[in-house]
């Protein structure tokens, strides 16, 4: 888990005004308590930054910047594993059919 602090800092109060977290360790404890996985980063950009990002570079750079390639690779890997598991399941089902008949 990696937490990068922006210039705005950590949220220090809940919606009711109660102090929530002021240090990185406290935030890590909150994330652990609520089982929040932050491995998939989210970046919020202002309008000017978004416009600059969208109008700069080529489409391949934007594809990589959004980690879509990793998601695509993971999906292909999972589909391959699922096909292997289904093949193994079919083999096992075929092997027990003679036993079920008896």
PDB file of N, CA and C in Angstrom:
ATOM      1  N   UNK A   1       0.843  -1.162   0.000  1.00  0.00           N
ATOM      2  CA  UNK A   1       0.000   0.000   0.000  1.00  0.00           C
ATOM      3  C   UNK A   1       0.892   1.229   0.000  1.00  0.00           C
ATOM      4  N   UNK A   2       0.586   2.177  -0.853  1.00  0.00           N
ATOM      5  CA  UNK A   2       1.356   3.397  -0.932  1.00  0.00           C
ATOM      6  C   UNK A   2       0.398   4.568  -0.859  1.00  0.00           C
ATOM      7  N   UNK A   3       0.676   5.482   0.033  1.00  0.00           N
ATOM      8  CA  UNK A   3      -0.157   6.658   0.174  1.00  0.00           C
ATOM      9  C   UNK A   3       0.702   7.863  -0.149  1.00  0.00           C
ATOM     10  N   UNK A   4       0.268   8.629  -1.106  1.00  0.00           N
ATOM     11  CA  UNK A   4       0.985   9.830  -1.498  1.00  0.00           C
ATOM     12  C   UNK A   4       0.146  11.017  -1.079  1.00  0.00           C
ATOM     13  N   UNK A   5       0.726  11.904  -0.338  1.00  0.00           N
ATOM     14  CA  UNK A   5      -0.011  13.044   0.167  1.00  0.00           C
ATOM     15  C   UNK A   5       0.104  14.208  -0.803  1.00  0.00           C
ATOM     16  N   UNK A   6      -1.019  14.765  -1.139  1.00  0.00           N
ATOM     17  CA  UNK A   6      -1.044  15.952  -1.985  1.00  0.00           C
ATOM     18  C   UNK A   6      -0.939  17.175  -1.086  1.00  0.00           C
ATOM     19  N   UNK A   7      -0.921  18.332  -1.679  1.00  0.00           N
ATOM     20  CA  UNK A   7      -0.743  19.547  -0.910  1.00  0.00           C
ATOM     21  C   UNK A   7      -1.900  19.828   0.039  1.00  0.00           C
ATOM     22  N   UNK A   8      -3.054  19.221  -0.215  1.00  0.00           N
ATOM     23  CA  UNK A   8      -4.204  19.495   0.638  1.00  0.00           C
ATOM     24  C   UNK A   8      -4.168  18.722   1.946  1.00  0.00           C
ATOM     25  N   UNK A   9      -3.316  17.716   2.089  1.00  0.00           N
ATOM     26  CA  UNK A   9      -3.170  16.979   3.334  1.00  0.00           C
ATOM     27  C   UNK A   9      -4.260  15.951   3.548  1.00  0.00           C
ATOM     28  N   UNK A  10      -4.290  15.403   4.742  1.00  0.00           N
ATOM     29  CA  UNK A  10      -5.267  14.369   5.086  1.00  0.00           C
ATOM     30  C   UNK A  10      -6.577  14.983   5.545  1.00  0.00           C
ATOM     31  N   UNK A  11      -7.668  14.250   5.332  1.00  0.00           N
ATOM     32  CA  UNK A  11      -8.913  14.749   5.918  1.00  0.00           C
ATOM     33  C   UNK A  11      -8.802  14.660   7.430  1.00  0.00           C
ATOM     34  N   UNK A  12      -9.129  15.726   8.115  1.00  0.00           N
ATOM     35  CA  UNK A  12      -8.952  15.703   9.562  1.00  0.00           C
ATOM     36  C   UNK A  12     -10.264  15.569  10.320  1.00  0.00           C
ATOM     37  N   UNK A  13     -11.386  15.737   9.651  1.00  0.00           N
ATOM     38  CA  UNK A  13     -12.661  15.643  10.337  1.00  0.00           C
ATOM     39  C   UNK A  13     -13.652  14.835   9.524  1.00  0.00           C
ATOM     40  N   UNK A  14     -14.568  14.178  10.233  1.00  0.00           N
ATOM     41  CA  UNK A  14     -15.660  13.479   9.552  1.00  0.00           C
ATOM     42  C   UNK A  14     -16.738  14.497   9.219  1.00  0.00           C
ATOM     43  N   UNK A  15     -17.796  14.036   8.594  1.00  0.00           N
ATOM     44  CA  UNK A  15     -18.885  14.944   8.237  1.00  0.00           C
ATOM     45  C   UNK A  15     -19.574  15.530   9.466  1.00  0.00           C
ATOM     46  N   UNK A  16     -19.405  14.879  10.612  1.00  0.00           N
ATOM     47  CA  UNK A  16     -20.008  15.386  11.847  1.00  0.00           C
ATOM     48  C   UNK A  16     -19.062  16.299  12.610  1.00  0.00           C
ATOM     49  N   UNK A  17     -17.862  16.509  12.093  1.00  0.00           N
ATOM     50  CA  UNK A  17     -16.901  17.383  12.740  1.00  0.00           C
ATOM     51  C   UNK A  17     -15.959  16.671  13.691  1.00  0.00           C
ATOM     52  N   UNK A  18     -16.088  15.359  13.819  1.00  0.00           N
ATOM     53  CA  UNK A  18     -15.225  14.569  14.694  1.00  0.00           C
ATOM     54  C   UNK A  18     -13.862  14.369  14.033  1.00  0.00           C
ATOM     55  N   UNK A  19     -12.778  14.500  14.805  1.00  0.00           N
ATOM     56  CA  UNK A  19     -11.429  14.312  14.278  1.00  0.00           C
ATOM     57  C   UNK A  19     -11.272  12.863  13.822  1.00  0.00           C
ATOM     58  N   UNK A  20     -10.778  12.656  12.598  1.00  0.00           N
ATOM     59  CA  UNK A  20     -10.643  11.317  12.041  1.00  0.00           C
ATOM     60  C   UNK A  20      -9.178  10.907  11.946  1.00  0.00           C
ATOM     61  N   UNK A  21      -8.401  11.641  11.218  1.00  0.00           N
ATOM     62  CA  UNK A  21      -6.998  11.265  11.023  1.00  0.00           C
ATOM     63  C   UNK A  21      -6.185  12.491  10.679  1.00  0.00           C
ATOM     64  N   UNK A  22      -4.977  12.530  11.223  1.00  0.00           N
ATOM     65  CA  UNK A  22      -4.065  13.617  10.876  1.00  0.00           C
ATOM     66  C   UNK A  22      -2.707  13.094  10.446  1.00  0.00           C
ATOM     67  N   UNK A  23      -2.462  11.802  10.669  1.00  0.00           N
ATOM     68  CA  UNK A  23      -1.179  11.209  10.305  1.00  0.00           C
ATOM     69  C   UNK A  23      -1.394  10.032   9.366  1.00  0.00           C
ATOM     70  N   UNK A  24      -0.349   9.688   8.656  1.00  0.00           N
ATOM     71  CA  UNK A  24      -0.403   8.577   7.712  1.00  0.00           C
ATOM     72  C   UNK A  24      -0.744   7.272   8.424  1.00  0.00           C
ATOM     73  N   UNK A  25      -0.192   7.054   9.609  1.00  0.00           N
ATOM     74  CA  UNK A  25      -0.444   5.822  10.352  1.00  0.00           C
ATOM     75  C   UNK A  25      -1.926   5.695  10.713  1.00  0.00           C
ATOM     76  N   UNK A  26      -2.535   6.813  11.088  1.00  0.00           N
ATOM     77  CA  UNK A  26      -3.956   6.783  11.428  1.00  0.00           C
ATOM     78  C   UNK A  26      -4.800   6.447  10.201  1.00  0.00           C
ATOM     79  N   UNK A  27      -4.413   7.012   9.064  1.00  0.00           N
ATOM     80  CA  UNK A  27      -5.138   6.711   7.829  1.00  0.00           C
ATOM     81  C   UNK A  27      -4.985   5.234   7.467  1.00  0.00           C
ATOM     82  N   UNK A  28      -3.785   4.689   7.635  1.00  0.00           N
ATOM     83  CA  UNK A  28      -3.570   3.257   7.363  1.00  0.00           C
ATOM     84  C   UNK A  28      -4.445   2.390   8.264  1.00  0.00           C
ATOM     85  N   UNK A  29      -4.585   2.788   9.530  1.00  0.00           N
ATOM     86  CA  UNK A  29      -5.448   2.042  10.451  1.00  0.00           C
ATOM     87  C   UNK A  29      -6.905   2.082  10.000  1.00  0.00           C
ATOM     88  N   UNK A  30      -7.364   3.253   9.556  1.00  0.00           N
ATOM     89  CA  UNK A  30      -8.739   3.369   9.059  1.00  0.00           C
ATOM     90  C   UNK A  30      -8.951   2.495   7.825  1.00  0.00           C
ATOM     91  N   UNK A  31      -8.004   2.525   6.913  1.00  0.00           N
ATOM     92  CA  UNK A  31      -8.120   1.716   5.704  1.00  0.00           C
ATOM     93  C   UNK A  31      -8.164   0.235   6.049  1.00  0.00           C
ATOM     94  N   UNK A  32      -7.341  -0.191   6.982  1.00  0.00           N
ATOM     95  CA  UNK A  32      -7.336  -1.583   7.404  1.00  0.00           C
ATOM     96  C   UNK A  32      -8.623  -1.979   8.095  1.00  0.00           C
ATOM     97  N   UNK A  33      -9.126  -1.099   8.941  1.00  0.00           N
ATOM     98  CA  UNK A  33     -10.355  -1.392   9.682  1.00  0.00           C
ATOM     99  C   UNK A  33     -11.539  -1.604   8.744  1.00  0.00           C
ATOM    100  N   UNK A  34     -11.628  -0.780   7.712  1.00  0.00           N
ATOM    101  CA  UNK A  34     -12.751  -0.878   6.780  1.00  0.00           C
ATOM    102  C   UNK A  34     -12.436  -1.746   5.565  1.00  0.00           C
ATOM    103  N   UNK A  35     -11.275  -2.419   5.573  1.00  0.00           N
ATOM    104  CA  UNK A  35     -10.841  -3.291   4.476  1.00  0.00           C
ATOM    105  C   UNK A  35     -10.896  -2.577   3.131  1.00  0.00           C
ATOM    106  N   UNK A  36     -10.338  -1.393   3.092  1.00  0.00           N
ATOM    107  CA  UNK A  36     -10.294  -0.608   1.857  1.00  0.00           C
ATOM    108  C   UNK A  36      -8.960  -0.871   1.176  1.00  0.00           C
ATOM    109  N   UNK A  37      -9.021  -1.417  -0.031  1.00  0.00           N
ATOM    110  CA  UNK A  37      -7.825  -1.710  -0.808  1.00  0.00           C
ATOM    111  C   UNK A  37      -7.541  -0.522  -1.702  1.00  0.00           C
ATOM    112  N   UNK A  38      -6.388   0.079  -1.537  1.00  0.00           N
ATOM    113  CA  UNK A  38      -6.061   1.247  -2.347  1.00  0.00           C
ATOM    114  C   UNK A  38      -4.934   0.948  -3.328  1.00  0.00           C
ATOM    115  N   UNK A  39      -4.834  -0.315  -3.724  1.00  0.00           N
ATOM    116  CA  UNK A  39      -3.816  -0.691  -4.704  1.00  0.00           C
ATOM    117  C   UNK A  39      -4.121  -0.101  -6.078  1.00  0.00           C
ATOM    118  N   UNK A  40      -5.376   0.161  -6.348  1.00  0.00           N
ATOM    119  CA  UNK A  40      -5.770   0.752  -7.616  1.00  0.00           C
ATOM    120  C   UNK A  40      -5.867   2.257  -7.412  1.00  0.00           C
ATOM    121  N   UNK A  41      -4.835   2.981  -7.840  1.00  0.00           N
ATOM    122  CA  UNK A  41      -4.801   4.413  -7.542  1.00  0.00           C
ATOM    123  C   UNK A  41      -5.849   5.196  -8.323  1.00  0.00           C
ATOM    124  N   UNK A  42      -6.263   6.250  -7.729  1.00  0.00           N
ATOM    125  CA  UNK A  42      -7.216   7.157  -8.353  1.00  0.00           C
ATOM    126  C   UNK A  42      -6.592   8.541  -8.327  1.00  0.00           C
ATOM    127  N   UNK A  43      -6.589   9.193  -9.451  1.00  0.00           N
ATOM    128  CA  UNK A  43      -6.015  10.523  -9.532  1.00  0.00           C
ATOM    129  C   UNK A  43      -7.125  11.476  -9.933  1.00  0.00           C
ATOM    130  N   UNK A  44      -7.256  12.514  -9.165  1.00  0.00           N
ATOM    131  CA  UNK A  44      -8.246  13.533  -9.476  1.00  0.00           C
ATOM    132  C   UNK A  44      -7.487  14.758  -9.936  1.00  0.00           C
ATOM    133  N   UNK A  45      -7.758  15.165 -11.169  1.00  0.00           N
ATOM    134  CA  UNK A  45      -7.060  16.306 -11.731  1.00  0.00           C
ATOM    135  C   UNK A  45      -8.042  17.450 -11.919  1.00  0.00           C
ATOM    136  N   UNK A  46      -7.498  18.624 -11.826  1.00  0.00           N
ATOM    137  CA  UNK A  46      -8.295  19.808 -12.109  1.00  0.00           C
ATOM    138  C   UNK A  46      -8.568  19.909 -13.600  1.00  0.00           C
ATOM    139  N   UNK A  47      -9.418  20.820 -13.972  1.00  0.00           N
ATOM    140  CA  UNK A  47      -9.816  20.952 -15.370  1.00  0.00           C
ATOM    141  C   UNK A  47      -8.626  21.270 -16.269  1.00  0.00           C
ATOM    142  N   UNK A  48      -7.753  22.168 -15.820  1.00  0.00           N
ATOM    143  CA  UNK A  48      -6.594  22.529 -16.644  1.00  0.00           C
ATOM    144  C   UNK A  48      -5.648  21.347 -16.820  1.00  0.00           C
ATOM    145  N   UNK A  49      -5.384  20.614 -15.734  1.00  0.00           N
ATOM    146  CA  UNK A  49      -4.505  19.445 -15.824  1.00  0.00           C
ATOM    147  C   UNK A  49      -5.111  18.376 -16.720  1.00  0.00           C
ATOM    148  N   UNK A  50      -6.416  18.157 -16.596  1.00  0.00           N
ATOM    149  CA  UNK A  50      -7.093  17.163 -17.440  1.00  0.00           C
ATOM    150  C   UNK A  50      -6.996  17.535 -18.904  1.00  0.00           C
ATOM    151  N   UNK A  51      -7.240  18.786 -19.201  1.00  0.00           N
ATOM    152  CA  UNK A  51      -7.171  19.244 -20.590  1.00  0.00           C
ATOM    153  C   UNK A  51      -5.762  19.057 -21.145  1.00  0.00           C
ATOM    154  N   UNK A  52      -4.746  19.419 -20.339  1.00  0.00           N
ATOM    155  CA  UNK A  52      -3.357  19.250 -20.791  1.00  0.00           C
ATOM    156  C   UNK A  52      -3.032  17.784 -21.037  1.00  0.00           C
ATOM    157  N   UNK A  53      -3.493  16.899 -20.148  1.00  0.00           N
ATOM    158  CA  UNK A  53      -3.237  15.464 -20.303  1.00  0.00           C
ATOM    159  C   UNK A  53      -3.916  14.923 -21.554  1.00  0.00           C
ATOM    160  N   UNK A  54      -5.156  15.310 -21.769  1.00  0.00           N
ATOM    161  CA  UNK A  54      -5.910  14.789 -22.909  1.00  0.00           C
ATOM    162  C   UNK A  54      -5.375  15.281 -24.242  1.00  0.00           C
ATOM    163  N   UNK A  55      -4.805  16.457 -24.256  1.00  0.00           N
ATOM    164  CA  UNK A  55      -4.320  17.021 -25.522  1.00  0.00           C
ATOM    165  C   UNK A  55      -2.832  16.812 -25.743  1.00  0.00           C
ATOM    166  N   UNK A  56      -2.160  16.159 -24.823  1.00  0.00           N
ATOM    167  CA  UNK A  56      -0.729  15.930 -24.994  1.00  0.00           C
ATOM    168  C   UNK A  56      -0.462  14.457 -25.274  1.00  0.00           C
ATOM    169  N   UNK A  57       0.632  14.170 -25.942  1.00  0.00           N
ATOM    170  CA  UNK A  57       1.030  12.785 -26.177  1.00  0.00           C
ATOM    171  C   UNK A  57       0.136  12.070 -27.169  1.00  0.00           C
ATOM    172  N   UNK A  58       0.426  10.787 -27.332  1.00  0.00           N
ATOM    173  CA  UNK A  58      -0.374   9.990 -28.254  1.00  0.00           C
ATOM    174  C   UNK A  58      -1.300   9.062 -27.470  1.00  0.00           C
ATOM    175  N   UNK A  59      -2.174   8.401 -28.178  1.00  0.00           N
ATOM    176  CA  UNK A  59      -3.167   7.545 -27.522  1.00  0.00           C
ATOM    177  C   UNK A  59      -2.523   6.393 -26.763  1.00  0.00           C
ATOM    178  N   UNK A  60      -1.408   5.865 -27.266  1.00  0.00           N
ATOM    179  CA  UNK A  60      -0.741   4.755 -26.586  1.00  0.00           C
ATOM    180  C   UNK A  60      -0.256   5.189 -25.211  1.00  0.00           C
ATOM    181  N   UNK A  61       0.285   6.397 -25.095  1.00  0.00           N
ATOM    182  CA  UNK A  61       0.734   6.909 -23.801  1.00  0.00           C
ATOM    183  C   UNK A  61      -0.433   7.034 -22.832  1.00  0.00           C
ATOM    184  N   UNK A  62      -1.566   7.495 -23.339  1.00  0.00           N
ATOM    185  CA  UNK A  62      -2.750   7.636 -22.483  1.00  0.00           C
ATOM    186  C   UNK A  62      -3.249   6.267 -22.034  1.00  0.00           C
ATOM    187  N   UNK A  63      -3.185   5.284 -22.924  1.00  0.00           N
ATOM    188  CA  UNK A  63      -3.591   3.929 -22.581  1.00  0.00           C
ATOM    189  C   UNK A  63      -2.745   3.401 -21.440  1.00  0.00           C
ATOM    190  N   UNK A  64      -1.429   3.585 -21.533  1.00  0.00           N
ATOM    191  CA  UNK A  64      -0.532   3.111 -20.483  1.00  0.00           C
ATOM    192  C   UNK A  64      -0.728   3.903 -19.201  1.00  0.00           C
ATOM    193  N   UNK A  65      -0.989   5.183 -19.310  1.00  0.00           N
ATOM    194  CA  UNK A  65      -1.146   6.026 -18.122  1.00  0.00           C
ATOM    195  C   UNK A  65      -2.342   5.615 -17.291  1.00  0.00           C
ATOM    196  N   UNK A  66      -3.309   5.001 -17.899  1.00  0.00           N
ATOM    197  CA  UNK A  66      -4.516   4.610 -17.165  1.00  0.00           C
ATOM    198  C   UNK A  66      -4.461   3.175 -16.667  1.00  0.00           C
ATOM    199  N   UNK A  67      -3.345   2.498 -16.837  1.00  0.00           N
ATOM    200  CA  UNK A  67      -3.156   1.119 -16.374  1.00  0.00           C
ATOM    201  C   UNK A  67      -4.113   0.143 -17.052  1.00  0.00           C
ATOM    202  N   UNK A  68      -4.690   0.535 -18.158  1.00  0.00           N
ATOM    203  CA  UNK A  68      -5.602  -0.357 -18.858  1.00  0.00           C
ATOM    204  C   UNK A  68      -4.882  -1.578 -19.401  1.00  0.00           C
ATOM    205  N   UNK A  69      -3.612  -1.418 -19.736  1.00  0.00           N
ATOM    206  CA  UNK A  69      -2.850  -2.558 -20.239  1.00  0.00           C
ATOM    207  C   UNK A  69      -2.733  -3.628 -19.164  1.00  0.00           C
ATOM    208  N   UNK A  70      -2.502  -3.227 -17.921  1.00  0.00           N
ATOM    209  CA  UNK A  70      -2.413  -4.202 -16.831  1.00  0.00           C
ATOM    210  C   UNK A  70      -3.742  -4.919 -16.639  1.00  0.00           C
ATOM    211  N   UNK A  71      -4.826  -4.188 -16.716  1.00  0.00           N
ATOM    212  CA  UNK A  71      -6.151  -4.789 -16.572  1.00  0.00           C
ATOM    213  C   UNK A  71      -6.408  -5.759 -17.714  1.00  0.00           C
ATOM    214  N   UNK A  72      -6.039  -5.361 -18.932  1.00  0.00           N
ATOM    215  CA  UNK A  72      -6.228  -6.216 -20.097  1.00  0.00           C
ATOM    216  C   UNK A  72      -5.404  -7.498 -19.961  1.00  0.00           C
ATOM    217  N   UNK A  73      -4.152  -7.373 -19.535  1.00  0.00           N
ATOM    218  CA  UNK A  73      -3.297  -8.559 -19.337  1.00  0.00           C
ATOM    219  C   UNK A  73      -3.873  -9.480 -18.265  1.00  0.00           C
ATOM    220  N   UNK A  74      -4.363  -8.887 -17.191  1.00  0.00           N
ATOM    221  CA  UNK A  74      -4.949  -9.675 -16.114  1.00  0.00           C
ATOM    222  C   UNK A  74      -6.191 -10.420 -16.591  1.00  0.00           C
ATOM    223  N   UNK A  75      -7.031  -9.765 -17.362  1.00  0.00           N
ATOM    224  CA  UNK A  75      -8.236 -10.415 -17.885  1.00  0.00           C
ATOM    225  C   UNK A  75      -7.888 -11.584 -18.794  1.00  0.00           C
ATOM    226  N   UNK A  76      -6.881 -11.412 -19.640  1.00  0.00           N
ATOM    227  CA  UNK A  76      -6.454 -12.513 -20.512  1.00  0.00           C
ATOM    228  C   UNK A  76      -5.926 -13.682 -19.684  1.00  0.00           C
ATOM    229  N   UNK A  77      -5.164 -13.380 -18.639  1.00  0.00           N
ATOM    230  CA  UNK A  77      -4.632 -14.427 -17.772  1.00  0.00           C
ATOM    231  C   UNK A  77      -5.759 -15.175 -17.069  1.00  0.00           C
ATOM    232  N   UNK A  78      -6.728 -14.446 -16.552  1.00  0.00           N
ATOM    233  CA  UNK A  78      -7.857 -15.071 -15.856  1.00  0.00           C
ATOM    234  C   UNK A  78      -8.671 -15.922 -16.829  1.00  0.00           C
ATOM    235  N   UNK A  79      -8.901 -15.420 -18.031  1.00  0.00           N
ATOM    236  CA  UNK A  79      -9.650 -16.203 -19.027  1.00  0.00           C
ATOM    237  C   UNK A  79      -8.913 -17.491 -19.379  1.00  0.00           C
ATOM    238  N   UNK A  80      -7.598 -17.423 -19.475  1.00  0.00           N
ATOM    239  CA  UNK A  80      -6.813 -18.616 -19.770  1.00  0.00           C
ATOM    240  C   UNK A  80      -6.905 -19.624 -18.624  1.00  0.00           C
ATOM    241  N   UNK A  81      -6.796 -19.140 -17.395  1.00  0.00           N
ATOM    242  CA  UNK A  81      -6.906 -20.025 -16.234  1.00  0.00           C
ATOM    243  C   UNK A  81      -8.300 -20.632 -16.144  1.00  0.00           C
ATOM    244  N   UNK A  82      -9.319 -19.852 -16.471  1.00  0.00           N
ATOM    245  CA  UNK A  82     -10.692 -20.360 -16.443  1.00  0.00           C
ATOM    246  C   UNK A  82     -10.886 -21.452 -17.488  1.00  0.00           C
ATOM    247  N   UNK A  83     -10.335 -21.256 -18.676  1.00  0.00           N
ATOM    248  CA  UNK A  83     -10.435 -22.276 -19.719  1.00  0.00           C
ATOM    249  C   UNK A  83      -9.727 -23.560 -19.285  1.00  0.00           C
ATOM    250  N   UNK A  84      -8.548 -23.417 -18.656  1.00  0.00           N
ATOM    251  CA  UNK A  84      -7.830 -24.591 -18.156  1.00  0.00           C
ATOM    252  C   UNK A  84      -8.647 -25.315 -17.082  1.00  0.00           C
ATOM    253  N   UNK A  85      -9.236 -24.551 -16.170  1.00  0.00           N
ATOM    254  CA  UNK A  85     -10.031 -25.150 -15.093  1.00  0.00           C
ATOM    255  C   UNK A  85     -11.257 -25.850 -15.662  1.00  0.00           C
ATOM    256  N   UNK A  86     -11.904 -25.253 -16.646  1.00  0.00           N
ATOM    257  CA  UNK A  86     -13.073 -25.896 -17.268  1.00  0.00           C
ATOM    258  C   UNK A  86     -12.686 -27.176 -17.984  1.00  0.00           C
ATOM    259  N   UNK A  87     -11.542 -27.180 -18.639  1.00  0.00           N
ATOM    260  CA  UNK A  87     -11.057 -28.400 -19.293  1.00  0.00           C
ATOM    261  C   UNK A  87     -10.777 -29.492 -18.275  1.00  0.00           C
ATOM    262  N   UNK A  88     -10.173 -29.120 -17.167  1.00  0.00           N
ATOM    263  CA  UNK A  88      -9.888 -30.089 -16.103  1.00  0.00           C
ATOM    264  C   UNK A  88     -11.193 -30.620 -15.508  1.00  0.00           C
ATOM    265  N   UNK A  89     -12.162 -29.741 -15.309  1.00  0.00           N
ATOM    266  CA  UNK A  89     -13.460 -30.143 -14.771  1.00  0.00           C
ATOM    267  C   UNK A  89     -14.161 -31.112 -15.722  1.00  0.00           C
ATOM    268  N   UNK A  90     -14.134 -30.813 -17.013  1.00  0.00           N
ATOM    269  CA  UNK A  90     -14.739 -31.722 -17.995  1.00  0.00           C
ATOM    270  C   UNK A  90     -14.089 -33.097 -17.942  1.00  0.00           C
ATOM    271  N   UNK A  91     -12.767 -33.112 -17.819  1.00  0.00           N
ATOM    272  CA  UNK A  91     -12.035 -34.380 -17.739  1.00  0.00           C
ATOM    273  C   UNK A  91     -12.452 -35.161 -16.494  1.00  0.00           C
ATOM    274  N   UNK A  92     -12.546 -34.484 -15.360  1.00  0.00           N
ATOM    275  CA  UNK A  92     -12.939 -35.154 -14.122  1.00  0.00           C
ATOM    276  C   UNK A  92     -14.374 -35.666 -14.188  1.00  0.00           C
ATOM    277  N   UNK A  93     -15.267 -34.867 -14.769  1.00  0.00           N
ATOM    278  CA  UNK A  93     -16.658 -35.309 -14.899  1.00  0.00           C
ATOM    279  C   UNK A  93     -16.759 -36.542 -15.794  1.00  0.00           C
ATOM    280  N   UNK A  94     -15.972 -36.554 -16.867  1.00  0.00           N
ATOM    281  CA  UNK A  94     -15.986 -37.708 -17.763  1.00  0.00           C
ATOM    282  C   UNK A  94     -15.425 -38.949 -17.065  1.00  0.00           C
ATOM    283  N   UNK A  95     -14.473 -38.767 -16.187  1.00  0.00           N
ATOM    284  CA  UNK A  95     -13.856 -39.904 -15.524  1.00  0.00           C
ATOM    285  C   UNK A  95     -14.779 -40.523 -14.447  1.00  0.00           C
ATOM    286  N   UNK A  96     -15.718 -39.758 -13.906  1.00  0.00           N
ATOM    287  CA  UNK A  96     -16.591 -40.326 -12.876  1.00  0.00           C
ATOM    288  C   UNK A  96     -17.914 -40.868 -13.453  1.00  0.00           C
ATOM    289  N   UNK A  97     -18.183 -40.611 -14.723  1.00  0.00           N
ATOM    290  CA  UNK A  97     -19.434 -41.123 -15.322  1.00  0.00           C
ATOM    291  C   UNK A  97     -19.543 -42.637 -15.253  1.00  0.00           C
ATOM    292  N   UNK A  98     -18.472 -43.391 -15.525  1.00  0.00           N
ATOM    293  CA  UNK A  98     -18.601 -44.844 -15.408  1.00  0.00           C
ATOM    294  C   UNK A  98     -18.911 -45.287 -13.968  1.00  0.00           C
ATOM    295  N   UNK A  99     -18.410 -44.591 -13.001  1.00  0.00           N
ATOM    296  CA  UNK A  99     -18.673 -44.934 -11.610  1.00  0.00           C
ATOM    297  C   UNK A  99     -20.119 -44.640 -11.250  1.00  0.00           C
ATOM    298  N   UNK A 100     -20.661 -43.525 -11.752  1.00  0.00           N
ATOM    299  CA  UNK A 100     -22.053 -43.166 -11.457  1.00  0.00           C
ATOM    300  C   UNK A 100     -23.025 -44.168 -12.032  1.00  0.00           C
ATOM    301  N   UNK A 101     -22.686 -44.799 -13.144  1.00  0.00           N
ATOM    302  CA  UNK A 101     -23.590 -45.765 -13.790  1.00  0.00           C
ATOM    303  C   UNK A 101     -23.736 -47.040 -12.954  1.00  0.00           C
ATOM    304  N   UNK A 102     -22.719 -47.364 -12.173  1.00  0.00           N
ATOM    305  CA  UNK A 102     -22.755 -48.607 -11.378  1.00  0.00           C
ATOM    306  C   UNK A 102     -23.548 -48.422 -10.159  1.00  0.00           C
TER     307      UNK A 102
END
